[in-house]
C-alpha atoms as a PDB file:
ATOM      1  CA  MET A   1     175.931  78.071 110.891  1.00  0.00           C
ATOM      2  CA  ARG A   2     176.786  81.272 112.726  1.00  0.00           C
ATOM      3  CA  ILE A   3     175.896  84.495 110.883  1.00  0.00           C
ATOM      4  CA  ARG A   4     177.176  87.729 112.403  1.00  0.00           C
ATOM      5  CA  THR A   5     174.608  90.386 111.514  1.00  0.00           C
ATOM      6  CA  THR A   6     174.410  94.165 111.854  1.00  0.00           C
ATOM      7  CA  VAL A   7     170.946  95.722 111.508  1.00  0.00           C
ATOM      8  CA  ILE A   8     170.577  99.427 110.654  1.00  0.00           C
ATOM      9  CA  ASP A   9     167.137 101.041 110.775  1.00  0.00           C
ATOM     10  CA  ASP A  10     166.205 104.503 112.043  1.00  0.00           C
ATOM     11  CA  ASP A  11     162.777 103.259 113.176  1.00  0.00           C
ATOM     12  CA  ALA A  12     163.196 101.677 116.621  1.00  0.00           C
ATOM     13  CA  TYR A  13     160.033  99.589 116.180  1.00  0.00           C
ATOM     14  CA  ASP A  14     161.194  98.105 112.864  1.00  0.00           C
ATOM     15  CA  LEU A  15     164.680  97.589 114.284  1.00  0.00           C
ATOM     16  CA  LYS A  16     163.221  95.502 117.094  1.00  0.00           C
ATOM     17  CA  ARG A  17     160.987  93.557 114.679  1.00  0.00           C
ATOM     18  CA  ILE A  18     163.980  92.577 112.555  1.00  0.00           C
ATOM     19  CA  THR A  19     166.188  91.547 115.481  1.00  0.00           C
ATOM     20  CA  ASN A  20     163.308  89.600 117.049  1.00  0.00           C
ATOM     21  CA  GLU A  21     162.747  87.754 113.774  1.00  0.00           C
ATOM     22  CA  LEU A  22     166.432  86.832 113.590  1.00  0.00           C
ATOM     23  CA  GLU A  23     166.278  85.556 117.174  1.00  0.00           C
ATOM     24  CA  ARG A  24     163.202  83.497 116.284  1.00  0.00           C
ATOM     25  CA  ILE A  25     164.976  81.926 113.301  1.00  0.00           C
ATOM     26  CA  SER A  26     168.001  81.163 115.506  1.00  0.00           C
ATOM     27  CA  LEU A  27     165.781  79.274 117.951  1.00  0.00           C
ATOM     28  CA  GLU A  28     163.952  77.333 115.248  1.00  0.00           C
ATOM     29  CA  SER A  29     166.836  76.422 112.931  1.00  0.00           C
ATOM     30  CA  GLU A  30     170.527  75.592 112.760  1.00  0.00           C
ATOM     31  CA  TYR A  31     171.359  79.208 111.834  1.00  0.00           C
ATOM     32  CA  LEU A  32     172.648  81.220 114.777  1.00  0.00           C
ATOM     33  CA  PHE A  33     172.380  84.963 114.275  1.00  0.00           C
ATOM     34  CA  GLN A  34     174.652  87.124 116.411  1.00  0.00           C
ATOM     35  CA  THR A  35     173.153  90.572 116.023  1.00  0.00           C
ATOM     36  CA  SER A  36     174.037  94.172 116.752  1.00  0.00           C
ATOM     37  CA  SER A  37     171.611  96.976 115.924  1.00  0.00           C
ATOM     38  CA  TYR A  38     171.849 100.701 115.204  1.00  0.00           C
ATOM     39  CA  THR A  39     169.399 103.499 114.442  1.00  0.00           C
ATOM     40  CA  ASP A  40     172.179 105.603 112.875  1.00  0.00           C
ATOM     41  CA  PRO A  41     174.663 104.198 110.310  1.00  0.00           C
ATOM     42  CA  ASP A  42     177.328 106.639 111.520  1.00  0.00           C
ATOM     43  CA  LEU A  43     177.426 104.788 114.841  1.00  0.00           C
ATOM     44  CA  VAL A  44     178.655 101.587 113.202  1.00  0.00           C
ATOM     45  CA  LYS A  45     182.368 101.124 113.928  1.00  0.00           C
ATOM     46  CA  ASP A  46     182.770  97.366 113.518  1.00  0.00           C
ATOM     47  CA  PHE A  47     182.401  96.203 109.914  1.00  0.00           C
ATOM     48  CA  GLN A  48     183.296  92.529 110.417  1.00  0.00           C
ATOM     49  CA  SER A  49     179.715  91.210 110.246  1.00  0.00           C
ATOM     50  CA  ASP A  50     178.738  88.657 107.603  1.00  0.00           C
ATOM     51  CA  TRP A  51     175.405  90.410 106.977  1.00  0.00           C
ATOM     52  CA  PHE A  52     174.380  94.049 107.064  1.00  0.00           C
ATOM     53  CA  ILE A  53     170.607  94.505 106.975  1.00  0.00           C
ATOM     54  CA  VAL A  54     170.077  98.150 106.013  1.00  0.00           C
ATOM     55  CA  ASP A  55     166.889 100.191 105.768  1.00  0.00           C
ATOM     56  CA  ILE A  56     166.988 101.959 102.394  1.00  0.00           C
ATOM     57  CA  ASP A  57     165.052 104.990 103.606  1.00  0.00           C
ATOM     58  CA  LEU A  58     166.967 106.157 106.679  1.00  0.00           C
ATOM     59  CA  ASN A  59     165.683 109.368 108.227  1.00  0.00           C
ATOM     60  CA  GLY A  60     167.740 112.138 106.658  1.00  0.00           C
ATOM     61  CA  LYS A  61     170.405 109.699 105.449  1.00  0.00           C
ATOM     62  CA  SER A  62     170.711 107.344 102.527  1.00  0.00           C
ATOM     63  CA  GLY A  63     170.803 103.604 102.922  1.00  0.00           C
ATOM     64  CA  PHE A  64     172.704 103.565  99.625  1.00  0.00           C
ATOM     65  CA  ASP A  65     175.459 105.702 101.159  1.00  0.00           C
ATOM     66  CA  ALA A  66     175.598 103.382 104.159  1.00  0.00           C
ATOM     67  CA  ALA A  67     175.876 100.377 101.826  1.00  0.00           C
ATOM     68  CA  GLY A  68     178.734 102.040  99.960  1.00  0.00           C
ATOM     69  CA  ARG A  69     180.644 102.598 103.188  1.00  0.00           C
ATOM     70  CA  ILE A  70     180.078  99.006 104.270  1.00  0.00           C
ATOM     71  CA  SER A  71     181.381  97.705 100.926  1.00  0.00           C
ATOM     72  CA  ARG A  72     184.525  99.809 101.241  1.00  0.00           C
ATOM     73  CA  GLU A  73     185.202  98.626 104.790  1.00  0.00           C
ATOM     74  CA  ASN A  74     184.299  94.971 104.201  1.00  0.00           C
ATOM     75  CA  PRO A  75     183.981  93.930 100.537  1.00  0.00           C
ATOM     76  CA  ALA A  76     183.006  90.378 101.558  1.00  0.00           C
ATOM     77  CA  ALA A  77     179.981  91.493 103.593  1.00  0.00           C
ATOM     78  CA  LYS A  78     176.507  90.710 102.296  1.00  0.00           C
ATOM     79  CA  ILE A  79     174.339  93.837 102.115  1.00  0.00           C
ATOM     80  CA  ILE A  80     170.621  93.190 102.482  1.00  0.00           C
ATOM     81  CA  PHE A  81     168.257  96.094 101.915  1.00  0.00           C
ATOM     82  CA  CYS A  82     165.119  96.084 104.041  1.00  0.00           C
ATOM     83  CA  THR A  83     162.283  98.380 103.018  1.00  0.00           C
ATOM     84  CA  SER A  84     158.575  99.117 103.085  1.00  0.00           C
ATOM     85  CA  HIS A  85     158.853 100.987  99.796  1.00  0.00           C
ATOM     86  CA  ASP A  86     159.134  98.715  96.756  1.00  0.00           C
ATOM     87  CA  ASP A  87     159.760 101.713  94.504  1.00  0.00           C
ATOM     88  CA  LEU A  88     163.108 102.345  96.224  1.00  0.00           C
ATOM     89  CA  VAL A  89     164.331  98.905  95.160  1.00  0.00           C
ATOM     90  CA  PHE A  90     164.726 100.083  91.573  1.00  0.00           C
ATOM     91  CA  GLN A  91     167.064 102.858  92.717  1.00  0.00           C
ATOM     92  CA  SER A  92     169.469 100.268  94.107  1.00  0.00           C
ATOM     93  CA  PHE A  93     170.434  98.762  90.765  1.00  0.00           C
ATOM     94  CA  GLY A  94     174.182  99.063  90.336  1.00  0.00           C
ATOM     95  CA  THR A  95     174.894  98.808  94.049  1.00  0.00           C
ATOM     96  CA  ASN A  96     176.482  95.774  95.698  1.00  0.00           C
ATOM     97  CA  VAL A  97     173.256  94.354  97.143  1.00  0.00           C
ATOM     98  CA  PHE A  98     172.920  90.684  98.040  1.00  0.00           C
ATOM     99  CA  TYR A  99     169.174  90.549  98.722  1.00  0.00           C
ATOM    100  CA  PHE A 100     166.007  92.570  99.347  1.00  0.00           C
ATOM    101  CA  VAL A 101     163.780  91.973 102.353  1.00  0.00           C
ATOM    102  CA  ARG A 102     160.283  93.450 102.458  1.00  0.00           C
ATOM    103  CA  LYS A 103     159.146  94.502 105.904  1.00  0.00           C
ATOM    104  CA  ASP A 104     155.656  93.155 105.286  1.00  0.00           C
ATOM    105  CA  LYS A 105     157.158  89.780 104.253  1.00  0.00           C
ATOM    106  CA  LEU A 106     159.914  89.776 106.850  1.00  0.00           C
ATOM    107  CA  HIS A 107     159.978  86.111 107.856  1.00  0.00           C
ATOM    108  CA  SER A 108     159.596  84.551 104.398  1.00  0.00           C
ATOM    109  CA  ASP A 109     162.071  86.953 102.781  1.00  0.00           C
ATOM    110  CA  LEU A 110     164.681  86.336 105.490  1.00  0.00           C
ATOM    111  CA  ILE A 111     164.291  82.570 105.022  1.00  0.00           C
ATOM    112  CA  ASP A 112     164.814  82.965 101.263  1.00  0.00           C
ATOM    113  CA  CYS A 113     167.826  85.164 101.946  1.00  0.00           C
ATOM    114  CA  ILE A 114     169.316  82.475 104.186  1.00  0.00           C
ATOM    115  CA  LYS A 115     168.832  79.861 101.463  1.00  0.00           C
ATOM    116  CA  LYS A 116     170.662  82.030  98.952  1.00  0.00           C
ATOM    117  CA  TYR A 117     173.453  82.714 101.453  1.00  0.00           C
ATOM    118  CA  VAL A 118     173.930  79.016 102.173  1.00  0.00           C
ATOM    119  CA  ARG A 119     174.320  78.353  98.433  1.00  0.00           C
ATOM    120  CA  THR A 120     177.126  80.931  98.316  1.00  0.00           C
ATOM    121  CA  GLN A 121     178.927  79.132 101.141  1.00  0.00           C
ATOM    122  CA  GLU A 122     179.519  75.894  99.236  1.00  0.00           C
ATOM    123  CA  ASN A 123     183.266  76.585  99.277  1.00  0.00           C
ATOM    124  CA  TRP A 124     183.203  76.288 103.056  1.00  0.00           C
ATOM    125  CA  TYR A 125     183.431  73.321 105.385  1.00  0.00           C
ATOM    126  CA  LEU A 126     180.800  73.589 108.125  1.00  0.00           C
ATOM    127  CA  TYR A 127     182.491  72.955 111.466  1.00  0.00           C
ATOM    128  CA  LYS A 128     180.070  72.222 114.298  1.00  0.00           C
ATOM    129  CA  ASN A 129     180.790  72.459 117.997  1.00  0.00           C
ATOM    130  CA  ALA A 130     178.537  72.761 121.026  1.00  0.00           C
ATOM    131  CA  ASP A 131     178.057  76.511 120.559  1.00  0.00           C
ATOM    132  CA  ALA A 132     177.589  77.104 116.840  1.00  0.00           C
ATOM    133  CA  THR A 133     178.281  76.087 113.258  1.00  0.00           C
ATOM    134  CA  THR A 134     181.169  77.965 111.630  1.00  0.00           C
ATOM    135  CA  GLY A 135     182.192  78.057 107.977  1.00  0.00           C
ATOM    136  CA  ILE A 136     185.845  77.231 107.240  1.00  0.00           C
ATOM    137  CA  ASP A 137     187.314  77.838 103.801  1.00  0.00           C
ATOM    138  CA  TRP A 138     188.309  74.463 102.326  1.00  0.00           C
ATOM    139  CA  ASN A 139     191.486  76.095 101.031  1.00  0.00           C
ATOM    140  CA  THR A 140     192.712  76.735 104.592  1.00  0.00           C
ATOM    141  CA  ILE A 141     192.390  73.088 105.685  1.00  0.00           C
ATOM    142  CA  ILE A 142     195.681  71.186 105.385  1.00  0.00           C
ATOM    143  CA  TYR A 143     194.296  67.812 106.392  1.00  0.00           C
ATOM    144  CA  PHE A 144     191.682  65.951 108.412  1.00  0.00           C
ATOM    145  CA  GLU A 145     192.778  63.299 110.888  1.00  0.00           C
ATOM    146  CA  VAL A 146     190.739  60.733 112.800  1.00  0.00           C
ATOM    147  CA  ALA A 147     192.042  59.529 116.162  1.00  0.00           C
ATOM    148  CA  ASN A 148     190.162  57.899 119.042  1.00  0.00           C
ATOM    149  CA  LYS A 149     186.829  58.478 117.267  1.00  0.00           C
ATOM    150  CA  ASP A 150     187.437  62.238 117.094  1.00  0.00           C
ATOM    151  CA  LEU A 151     188.017  64.267 113.941  1.00  0.00           C
ATOM    152  CA  TYR A 152     190.903  66.758 114.013  1.00  0.00           C
ATOM    153  CA  ILE A 153     191.061  69.582 111.480  1.00  0.00           C
ATOM    154  CA  HIS A 154     194.551  70.966 110.885  1.00  0.00           C
ATOM    155  CA  LEU A 155     194.490  74.514 109.496  1.00  0.00           C
ATOM    156  CA  SER A 156     197.028  76.593 107.594  1.00  0.00           C
ATOM    157  CA  ASN A 157     197.194  79.189 110.399  1.00  0.00           C
ATOM    158  CA  GLY A 158     198.595  76.522 112.719  1.00  0.00           C
ATOM    159  CA  SER A 159     195.415  75.942 114.706  1.00  0.00           C
ATOM    160  CA  GLU A 160     193.650  72.640 115.239  1.00  0.00           C
ATOM    161  CA  LEU A 161     189.928  72.023 115.679  1.00  0.00           C
ATOM    162  CA  LYS A 162     188.184  68.923 116.980  1.00  0.00           C
ATOM    163  CA  GLU A 163     184.687  67.584 116.395  1.00  0.00           C
ATOM    164  CA  ARG A 164     182.812  64.299 116.648  1.00  0.00           C
ATOM    165  CA  LYS A 165     182.638  63.112 113.049  1.00  0.00           C
ATOM    166  CA  THR A 166     183.848  60.294 110.806  1.00  0.00           C
ATOM    167  CA  LEU A 167     186.035  60.567 107.716  1.00  0.00           C
ATOM    168  CA  LYS A 168     183.227  58.955 105.755  1.00  0.00           C
ATOM    169  CA  GLN A 169     180.985  61.898 106.644  1.00  0.00           C
ATOM    170  CA  VAL A 170     183.659  64.382 105.577  1.00  0.00           C
ATOM    171  CA  ILE A 171     184.241  62.560 102.281  1.00  0.00           C
ATOM    172  CA  SER A 172     180.588  63.071 101.369  1.00  0.00           C
ATOM    173  CA  GLU A 173     181.119  66.848 101.669  1.00  0.00           C
ATOM    174  CA  LEU A 174     184.479  67.224  99.905  1.00  0.00           C
ATOM    175  CA  PRO A 175     184.902  69.505  96.872  1.00  0.00           C
ATOM    176  CA  GLU A 176     185.864  67.562  93.772  1.00  0.00           C
ATOM    177  CA  ASN A 177     189.557  66.699  93.247  1.00  0.00           C
ATOM    178  CA  LEU A 178     190.890  68.821  96.149  1.00  0.00           C
ATOM    179  CA  PHE A 179     191.563  66.111  98.760  1.00  0.00           C
ATOM    180  CA  LEU A 180     193.094  62.643  98.646  1.00  0.00           C
ATOM    181  CA  GLN A 181     193.021  59.809 101.181  1.00  0.00           C
ATOM    182  CA  PRO A 182     196.389  58.152 101.927  1.00  0.00           C
ATOM    183  CA  SER A 183     194.998  55.953 104.722  1.00  0.00           C
ATOM    184  CA  SER A 184     191.888  55.349 106.799  1.00  0.00           C
ATOM    185  CA  SER A 185     193.057  58.056 109.216  1.00  0.00           C
ATOM    186  CA  TYR A 186     193.734  61.009 106.903  1.00  0.00           C
ATOM    187  CA  LEU A 187     192.252  63.225 104.205  1.00  0.00           C
ATOM    188  CA  VAL A 188     194.849  65.604 102.787  1.00  0.00           C
ATOM    189  CA  ASN A 189     194.437  68.826 100.814  1.00  0.00           C
ATOM    190  CA  CYS A 190     196.441  68.445  97.590  1.00  0.00           C
ATOM    191  CA  ALA A 191     197.277  72.163  97.612  1.00  0.00           C
ATOM    192  CA  PHE A 192     199.544  71.598 100.623  1.00  0.00           C
ATOM    193  CA  ILE A 193     201.388  68.592  99.158  1.00  0.00           C
ATOM    194  CA  THR A 194     204.871  69.089  97.700  1.00  0.00           C
ATOM    195  CA  ALA A 195     205.647  65.453  96.901  1.00  0.00           C
ATOM    196  CA  VAL A 196     204.077  62.006  96.868  1.00  0.00           C
ATOM    197  CA  LYS A 197     206.443  59.150  97.716  1.00  0.00           C
ATOM    198  CA  ASP A 198     205.866  55.411  97.880  1.00  0.00           C
ATOM    199  CA  LYS A 199     205.169  55.371 101.597  1.00  0.00           C
ATOM    200  CA  SER A 200     204.400  58.973 102.491  1.00  0.00           C
ATOM    201  CA  ILE A 201     203.096  62.372 101.435  1.00  0.00           C
ATOM    202  CA  VAL A 202     205.339  65.398 101.973  1.00  0.00           C
ATOM    203  CA  LEU A 203     203.611  68.609 103.034  1.00  0.00           C
ATOM    204  CA  LYS A 204     204.774  72.197 102.570  1.00  0.00           C
ATOM    205  CA  ASP A 205     206.078  72.359 106.141  1.00  0.00           C
ATOM    206  CA  SER A 206     208.239  69.274 105.346  1.00  0.00           C
ATOM    207  CA  SER A 207     206.176  67.021 107.596  1.00  0.00           C
ATOM    208  CA  GLU A 208     205.096  63.661 106.203  1.00  0.00           C
ATOM    209  CA  LEU A 209     201.914  61.616 106.428  1.00  0.00           C
ATOM    210  CA  PRO A 210     201.880  57.862 105.776  1.00  0.00           C
ATOM    211  CA  VAL A 211     200.493  56.250 102.633  1.00  0.00           C
ATOM    212  CA  VAL A 212     199.318  52.678 103.123  1.00  0.00           C
ATOM    213  CA  ARG A 213     200.323  50.193 100.435  1.00  0.00           C
ATOM    214  CA  GLU A 214     196.801  49.479  99.166  1.00  0.00           C
ATOM    215  CA  ARG A 215     196.195  53.183  98.536  1.00  0.00           C
ATOM    216  CA  ARG A 216     199.443  54.127  96.762  1.00  0.00           C
ATOM    217  CA  ARG A 217     198.029  53.893  93.256  1.00  0.00           C
ATOM    218  CA  GLU A 218     194.841  55.780  94.169  1.00  0.00           C
ATOM    219  CA  VAL A 219     196.871  58.524  95.892  1.00  0.00           C
ATOM    220  CA  MET A 220     199.075  59.004  92.821  1.00  0.00           C
ATOM    221  CA  GLN A 221     196.022  59.167  90.552  1.00  0.00           C
ATOM    222  CA  SER A 222     194.244  61.651  92.843  1.00  0.00           C
ATOM    223  CA  TYR A 223     197.290  63.906  92.976  1.00  0.00           C
ATOM    224  CA  LEU A 224     197.642  63.735  89.196  1.00  0.00           C
ATOM    225  CA  ARG A 225     193.971  64.691  88.735  1.00  0.00           C
ATOM    226  CA  TYR A 226     194.419  67.641  91.069  1.00  0.00           C
ATOM    227  CA  ASN A 227     197.431  68.942  89.135  1.00  0.00           C
ATOM    228  CA  THR A 228     195.652  68.385  85.825  1.00  0.00           C
ATOM    229  CA  TRP A 229     192.389  70.156  86.681  1.00  0.00           C
ATOM    230  CA  ARG A 230     193.373  72.886  89.122  1.00  0.00           C
END
């Protein structure tokens, strides 16, 4: 899983410690941290990171103010306060903070933070290629297709991704009642289906995918469950 991370700490030594720890975790785990670091929150111009690790006690500036700006620019970002002063943690109540990392417990607290973050990503399909693991919102996947032992992921923005994976592996990861399987080659997101016919499924773009005879009943039942429980 790739995690884009911005680190803000006015102490250059602590800034280096944090980025080094993230690099260490990247080397030792499946989590790839892509980091940028700043000693001054005013220098941050790109707010598209997944994580913002912010020192609460910035020299002459408030980490709380920095967190507020980050939340306004990117409401989906996870703000992680990093501090040597436990007493400042209590001042953060009421702010949009995802986690607290203690500088004297840097490694263990970052690992716990990762575990919590992964739990929040359960609505995402983890796409793996040679470079990294990327989270894809299940709701943007129109359908999965297997051809020539490759898995193709067709997305709502018109793009297509490919990875080496079986449909059986994908099925074990699927959210409940969202996808149906019309044949051994396809898994289709019910949200993109406009009609289910005897021999095909009609998608929102008017394209059709085949339904094999032995799966017709199961497809109808799956689509009914989706419309009942959504």
